[in-house]
Amino acid sequence: MLRALSHSHGGGEPAGTLRLDHSGRHLRRKLVTTDQGEKVMVDLPEPVLFADGDRLVLEDGRSIAIVAAEEQLYEVRPGPASPLRHLAWHLGNRHLPAQIDEDRILIQRDHVIRAMLEGLGASVREVVARFQPVHGAYHAHGHDQSHGHHGHGQHHHDHD
């Protein structure tokens, strides 16, 4: 069985791929099976939240590329009375994972949150897409927060 003892943010041609949803990309110690059918024991010194394109580095020096799986999400777009920053604030205030793009926000499906957003004037529709939410520093666990995230200026966490 292959073992992955470290990680990196890209590199050369990977030896394989591992397709995981958002929650599955938070790894420390777990037995996983690559898309090519190889079993890999992930044994990292601390938990890591992997982004699409990050790599598990195998003990033989090869790497496995992490691929963000498509998930059932809501695409949230602003309305006339609900600018994107206003919607982002409401989602952030509830500590919900959110991918904040230039003109939309992607979130995991939750009918209660959908009703709240529509009540605020947002347009919400069901989509299937890769999900790469913005995470605050408290989610970092050794992960480079500038890698692959969007809209940092629109997502602010200040809890006091």
C-alpha atoms as a PDB file:
ATOM      1  CA  MET A   1       0.000   0.000   0.000  1.00  0.00           C
ATOM      2  CA  LEU A   2       1.200   3.494  -0.864  1.00  0.00           C
ATOM      3  CA  ARG A   3       1.621   6.088   1.882  1.00  0.00           C
ATOM      4  CA  ALA A   4       1.262   9.875   1.627  1.00  0.00           C
ATOM      5  CA  LEU A   5       3.198  11.638   4.374  1.00  0.00           C
ATOM      6  CA  SER A   6       3.194  15.222   3.030  1.00  0.00           C
ATOM      7  CA  HIS A   7       1.472  17.547   0.571  1.00  0.00           C
ATOM      8  CA  SER A   8       2.309  20.265  -1.952  1.00  0.00           C
ATOM      9  CA  HIS A   9       0.569  22.877  -4.077  1.00  0.00           C
ATOM     10  CA  GLY A  10       1.106  21.351  -7.513  1.00  0.00           C
ATOM     11  CA  GLY A  11       4.185  20.095  -9.279  1.00  0.00           C
ATOM     12  CA  GLY A  12       5.006  17.823 -12.202  1.00  0.00           C
ATOM     13  CA  GLU A  13       2.822  15.177 -13.785  1.00  0.00           C
ATOM     14  CA  PRO A  14       0.862  13.346 -11.045  1.00  0.00           C
ATOM     15  CA  ALA A  15       0.908   9.561 -10.714  1.00  0.00           C
ATOM     16  CA  GLY A  16      -2.861   9.627 -10.255  1.00  0.00           C
ATOM     17  CA  THR A  17      -5.865  11.645  -9.140  1.00  0.00           C
ATOM     18  CA  LEU A  18      -8.140  11.609  -6.112  1.00  0.00           C
ATOM     19  CA  ARG A  19     -11.596  13.129  -6.625  1.00  0.00           C
ATOM     20  CA  LEU A  20     -13.102  14.412  -3.357  1.00  0.00           C
ATOM     21  CA  ASP A  21     -15.963  16.707  -2.391  1.00  0.00           C
ATOM     22  CA  HIS A  22     -15.423  19.722  -0.136  1.00  0.00           C
ATOM     23  CA  SER A  23     -15.765  17.839   3.157  1.00  0.00           C
ATOM     24  CA  GLY A  24     -13.672  14.930   1.868  1.00  0.00           C
ATOM     25  CA  ARG A  25     -10.775  17.280   1.053  1.00  0.00           C
ATOM     26  CA  HIS A  26     -10.114  17.832   4.775  1.00  0.00           C
ATOM     27  CA  LEU A  27      -7.606  15.061   5.465  1.00  0.00           C
ATOM     28  CA  ARG A  28      -5.127  13.975   8.108  1.00  0.00           C
ATOM     29  CA  ARG A  29      -5.151  10.180   8.486  1.00  0.00           C
ATOM     30  CA  LYS A  30      -7.376   8.165   6.204  1.00  0.00           C
ATOM     31  CA  LEU A  31      -7.267   5.273   3.744  1.00  0.00           C
ATOM     32  CA  VAL A  32      -8.351   6.528   0.310  1.00  0.00           C
ATOM     33  CA  THR A  33      -8.612   4.957  -3.139  1.00  0.00           C
ATOM     34  CA  THR A  34      -7.390   6.965  -6.133  1.00  0.00           C
ATOM     35  CA  ASP A  35      -9.485   7.312  -9.276  1.00  0.00           C
ATOM     36  CA  GLN A  36      -7.096   4.745 -10.794  1.00  0.00           C
ATOM     37  CA  GLY A  37      -7.924   2.177  -8.065  1.00  0.00           C
ATOM     38  CA  GLU A  38      -4.724   2.439  -5.961  1.00  0.00           C
ATOM     39  CA  LYS A  39      -5.095   2.415  -2.178  1.00  0.00           C
ATOM     40  CA  VAL A  40      -3.201   5.192  -0.390  1.00  0.00           C
ATOM     41  CA  MET A  41      -2.826   5.634   3.368  1.00  0.00           C
ATOM     42  CA  VAL A  42      -2.830   9.377   4.015  1.00  0.00           C
ATOM     43  CA  ASP A  43      -0.827   9.985   7.194  1.00  0.00           C
ATOM     44  CA  LEU A  44      -0.159  13.715   7.559  1.00  0.00           C
ATOM     45  CA  PRO A  45       1.278  15.342  10.712  1.00  0.00           C
ATOM     46  CA  GLU A  46      -1.723  17.710  10.937  1.00  0.00           C
ATOM     47  CA  PRO A  47      -5.083  18.139   9.192  1.00  0.00           C
ATOM     48  CA  VAL A  48      -4.959  19.806   5.778  1.00  0.00           C
ATOM     49  CA  LEU A  49      -7.828  21.316   3.793  1.00  0.00           C
ATOM     50  CA  PHE A  50      -6.890  20.536   0.198  1.00  0.00           C
ATOM     51  CA  ALA A  51      -7.816  22.737  -2.734  1.00  0.00           C
ATOM     52  CA  ASP A  52      -8.394  21.553  -6.282  1.00  0.00           C
ATOM     53  CA  GLY A  53      -4.956  20.900  -7.798  1.00  0.00           C
ATOM     54  CA  ASP A  54      -3.087  20.340  -4.521  1.00  0.00           C
ATOM     55  CA  ARG A  55      -1.051  17.155  -4.225  1.00  0.00           C
ATOM     56  CA  LEU A  56      -0.551  14.302  -1.818  1.00  0.00           C
ATOM     57  CA  VAL A  57       3.160  13.448  -1.918  1.00  0.00           C
ATOM     58  CA  LEU A  58       3.833   9.722  -1.736  1.00  0.00           C
ATOM     59  CA  GLU A  59       6.822   8.311   0.141  1.00  0.00           C
ATOM     60  CA  ASP A  60       8.389   7.245  -3.196  1.00  0.00           C
ATOM     61  CA  GLY A  61       8.349  10.891  -4.373  1.00  0.00           C
ATOM     62  CA  ARG A  62       5.405  10.619  -6.775  1.00  0.00           C
ATOM     63  CA  SER A  63       2.264  12.681  -6.207  1.00  0.00           C
ATOM     64  CA  ILE A  64      -1.499  12.275  -6.406  1.00  0.00           C
ATOM     65  CA  ALA A  65      -3.447  15.326  -7.643  1.00  0.00           C
ATOM     66  CA  ILE A  66      -6.521  16.326  -5.640  1.00  0.00           C
ATOM     67  CA  VAL A  67      -9.529  17.026  -7.866  1.00  0.00           C
ATOM     68  CA  ALA A  68     -12.554  18.893  -6.503  1.00  0.00           C
ATOM     69  CA  ALA A  69     -15.585  16.691  -7.186  1.00  0.00           C
ATOM     70  CA  GLU A  70     -18.770  18.177  -8.556  1.00  0.00           C
ATOM     71  CA  GLU A  71     -21.392  18.722  -5.861  1.00  0.00           C
ATOM     72  CA  GLN A  72     -25.056  19.681  -5.700  1.00  0.00           C
ATOM     73  CA  LEU A  73     -24.965  23.389  -4.822  1.00  0.00           C
ATOM     74  CA  TYR A  74     -26.974  26.582  -4.875  1.00  0.00           C
ATOM     75  CA  GLU A  75     -25.811  29.405  -7.100  1.00  0.00           C
ATOM     76  CA  VAL A  76     -26.715  32.671  -5.392  1.00  0.00           C
ATOM     77  CA  ARG A  77     -26.851  35.880  -7.417  1.00  0.00           C
ATOM     78  CA  PRO A  78     -27.586  39.359  -6.088  1.00  0.00           C
ATOM     79  CA  GLY A  79     -30.888  41.135  -6.629  1.00  0.00           C
ATOM     80  CA  PRO A  80     -31.642  44.866  -6.892  1.00  0.00           C
ATOM     81  CA  ALA A  81     -31.941  45.240  -3.097  1.00  0.00           C
ATOM     82  CA  SER A  82     -29.361  42.599  -2.179  1.00  0.00           C
ATOM     83  CA  PRO A  83     -25.794  43.317  -3.337  1.00  0.00           C
ATOM     84  CA  LEU A  84     -23.351  40.404  -3.324  1.00  0.00           C
ATOM     85  CA  ARG A  85     -21.456  41.757  -0.290  1.00  0.00           C
ATOM     86  CA  HIS A  86     -24.739  41.863   1.697  1.00  0.00           C
ATOM     87  CA  LEU A  87     -25.488  38.212   0.834  1.00  0.00           C
ATOM     88  CA  ALA A  88     -21.884  37.208   1.630  1.00  0.00           C
ATOM     89  CA  TRP A  89     -22.194  38.858   5.050  1.00  0.00           C
ATOM     90  CA  HIS A  90     -25.362  36.883   5.879  1.00  0.00           C
ATOM     91  CA  LEU A  91     -23.720  33.590   4.850  1.00  0.00           C
ATOM     92  CA  GLY A  92     -20.485  34.406   6.705  1.00  0.00           C
ATOM     93  CA  ASN A  93     -22.435  35.353   9.809  1.00  0.00           C
ATOM     94  CA  ARG A  94     -23.812  31.792   9.795  1.00  0.00           C
ATOM     95  CA  HIS A  95     -20.317  30.301   9.251  1.00  0.00           C
ATOM     96  CA  LEU A  96     -21.430  28.603   6.040  1.00  0.00           C
ATOM     97  CA  PRO A  97     -18.775  27.474   3.553  1.00  0.00           C
ATOM     98  CA  ALA A  98     -19.128  29.728   0.496  1.00  0.00           C
ATOM     99  CA  GLN A  99     -17.291  30.095  -2.787  1.00  0.00           C
ATOM    100  CA  ILE A 100     -17.432  33.814  -3.499  1.00  0.00           C
ATOM    101  CA  ASP A 101     -16.918  34.641  -7.149  1.00  0.00           C
ATOM    102  CA  GLU A 102     -17.100  38.014  -8.880  1.00  0.00           C
ATOM    103  CA  ASP A 103     -20.835  37.832  -9.628  1.00  0.00           C
ATOM    104  CA  ARG A 104     -22.154  34.871  -7.645  1.00  0.00           C
ATOM    105  CA  ILE A 105     -21.788  32.800  -4.488  1.00  0.00           C
ATOM    106  CA  LEU A 106     -21.883  29.001  -4.429  1.00  0.00           C
ATOM    107  CA  ILE A 107     -23.078  27.252  -1.265  1.00  0.00           C
ATOM    108  CA  GLN A 108     -24.104  23.734  -0.276  1.00  0.00           C
ATOM    109  CA  ARG A 109     -27.822  23.100  -0.625  1.00  0.00           C
ATOM    110  CA  ASP A 110     -29.965  23.869   2.412  1.00  0.00           C
ATOM    111  CA  HIS A 111     -33.633  24.765   1.920  1.00  0.00           C
ATOM    112  CA  VAL A 112     -33.731  26.976   5.035  1.00  0.00           C
ATOM    113  CA  ILE A 113     -30.776  29.053   3.801  1.00  0.00           C
ATOM    114  CA  ARG A 114     -32.334  29.213   0.328  1.00  0.00           C
ATOM    115  CA  ALA A 115     -35.534  30.649   1.781  1.00  0.00           C
ATOM    116  CA  MET A 116     -33.540  33.224   3.777  1.00  0.00           C
ATOM    117  CA  LEU A 117     -31.562  34.298   0.689  1.00  0.00           C
ATOM    118  CA  GLU A 118     -34.660  34.548  -1.481  1.00  0.00           C
ATOM    119  CA  GLY A 119     -36.310  36.564   1.303  1.00  0.00           C
ATOM    120  CA  LEU A 120     -33.359  38.973   1.059  1.00  0.00           C
ATOM    121  CA  GLY A 121     -34.015  39.350  -2.686  1.00  0.00           C
ATOM    122  CA  ALA A 122     -31.351  37.014  -4.032  1.00  0.00           C
ATOM    123  CA  SER A 123     -31.811  34.751  -7.032  1.00  0.00           C
ATOM    124  CA  VAL A 124     -31.059  31.130  -6.050  1.00  0.00           C
ATOM    125  CA  ARG A 125     -30.858  28.174  -8.448  1.00  0.00           C
ATOM    126  CA  GLU A 126     -29.656  24.586  -8.162  1.00  0.00           C
ATOM    127  CA  VAL A 127     -26.385  23.795  -9.937  1.00  0.00           C
ATOM    128  CA  VAL A 128     -23.868  20.959 -10.027  1.00  0.00           C
ATOM    129  CA  ALA A 129     -20.318  22.329  -9.880  1.00  0.00           C
ATOM    130  CA  ARG A 130     -16.925  22.012  -8.232  1.00  0.00           C
ATOM    131  CA  PHE A 131     -16.951  23.689  -4.813  1.00  0.00           C
ATOM    132  CA  GLN A 132     -13.917  25.609  -3.564  1.00  0.00           C
ATOM    133  CA  PRO A 133     -15.074  27.749  -0.624  1.00  0.00           C
ATOM    134  CA  VAL A 134     -13.137  30.599   0.928  1.00  0.00           C
ATOM    135  CA  HIS A 135     -11.757  29.729   4.378  1.00  0.00           C
ATOM    136  CA  GLY A 136     -10.616  31.994   7.138  1.00  0.00           C
ATOM    137  CA  ALA A 137      -7.206  31.689   8.779  1.00  0.00           C
ATOM    138  CA  TYR A 138      -8.607  29.420  11.506  1.00  0.00           C
ATOM    139  CA  HIS A 139      -9.146  26.735   8.810  1.00  0.00           C
ATOM    140  CA  ALA A 140      -5.590  27.001   7.481  1.00  0.00           C
ATOM    141  CA  HIS A 141      -3.796  24.086   9.210  1.00  0.00           C
ATOM    142  CA  GLY A 142      -0.651  24.753   7.233  1.00  0.00           C
ATOM    143  CA  HIS A 143      -2.483  25.492   3.969  1.00  0.00           C
ATOM    144  CA  ASP A 144      -1.482  28.511   1.865  1.00  0.00           C
ATOM    145  CA  GLN A 145      -4.608  30.640   2.003  1.00  0.00           C
ATOM    146  CA  SER A 146      -3.718  32.625  -1.111  1.00  0.00           C
ATOM    147  CA  HIS A 147      -3.925  29.473  -3.257  1.00  0.00           C
ATOM    148  CA  GLY A 148      -6.983  29.054  -5.445  1.00  0.00           C
ATOM    149  CA  HIS A 149      -9.467  31.175  -3.527  1.00  0.00           C
ATOM    150  CA  HIS A 150     -11.589  34.052  -4.783  1.00  0.00           C
ATOM    151  CA  GLY A 151     -13.108  37.152  -3.277  1.00  0.00           C
ATOM    152  CA  HIS A 152     -11.064  37.560  -0.116  1.00  0.00           C
ATOM    153  CA  GLY A 153     -11.997  41.237   0.007  1.00  0.00           C
ATOM    154  CA  GLN A 154     -15.668  40.319   0.206  1.00  0.00           C
ATOM    155  CA  HIS A 155     -15.375  37.741   2.994  1.00  0.00           C
ATOM    156  CA  HIS A 156     -14.351  39.105   6.344  1.00  0.00           C
ATOM    157  CA  HIS A 157     -14.312  37.221   9.635  1.00  0.00           C
ATOM    158  CA  ASP A 158     -14.045  39.375  12.708  1.00  0.00           C
ATOM    159  CA  HIS A 159     -15.667  37.848  15.763  1.00  0.00           C
ATOM    160  CA  ASP A 160     -15.435  39.789  18.994  1.00  0.00           C
END
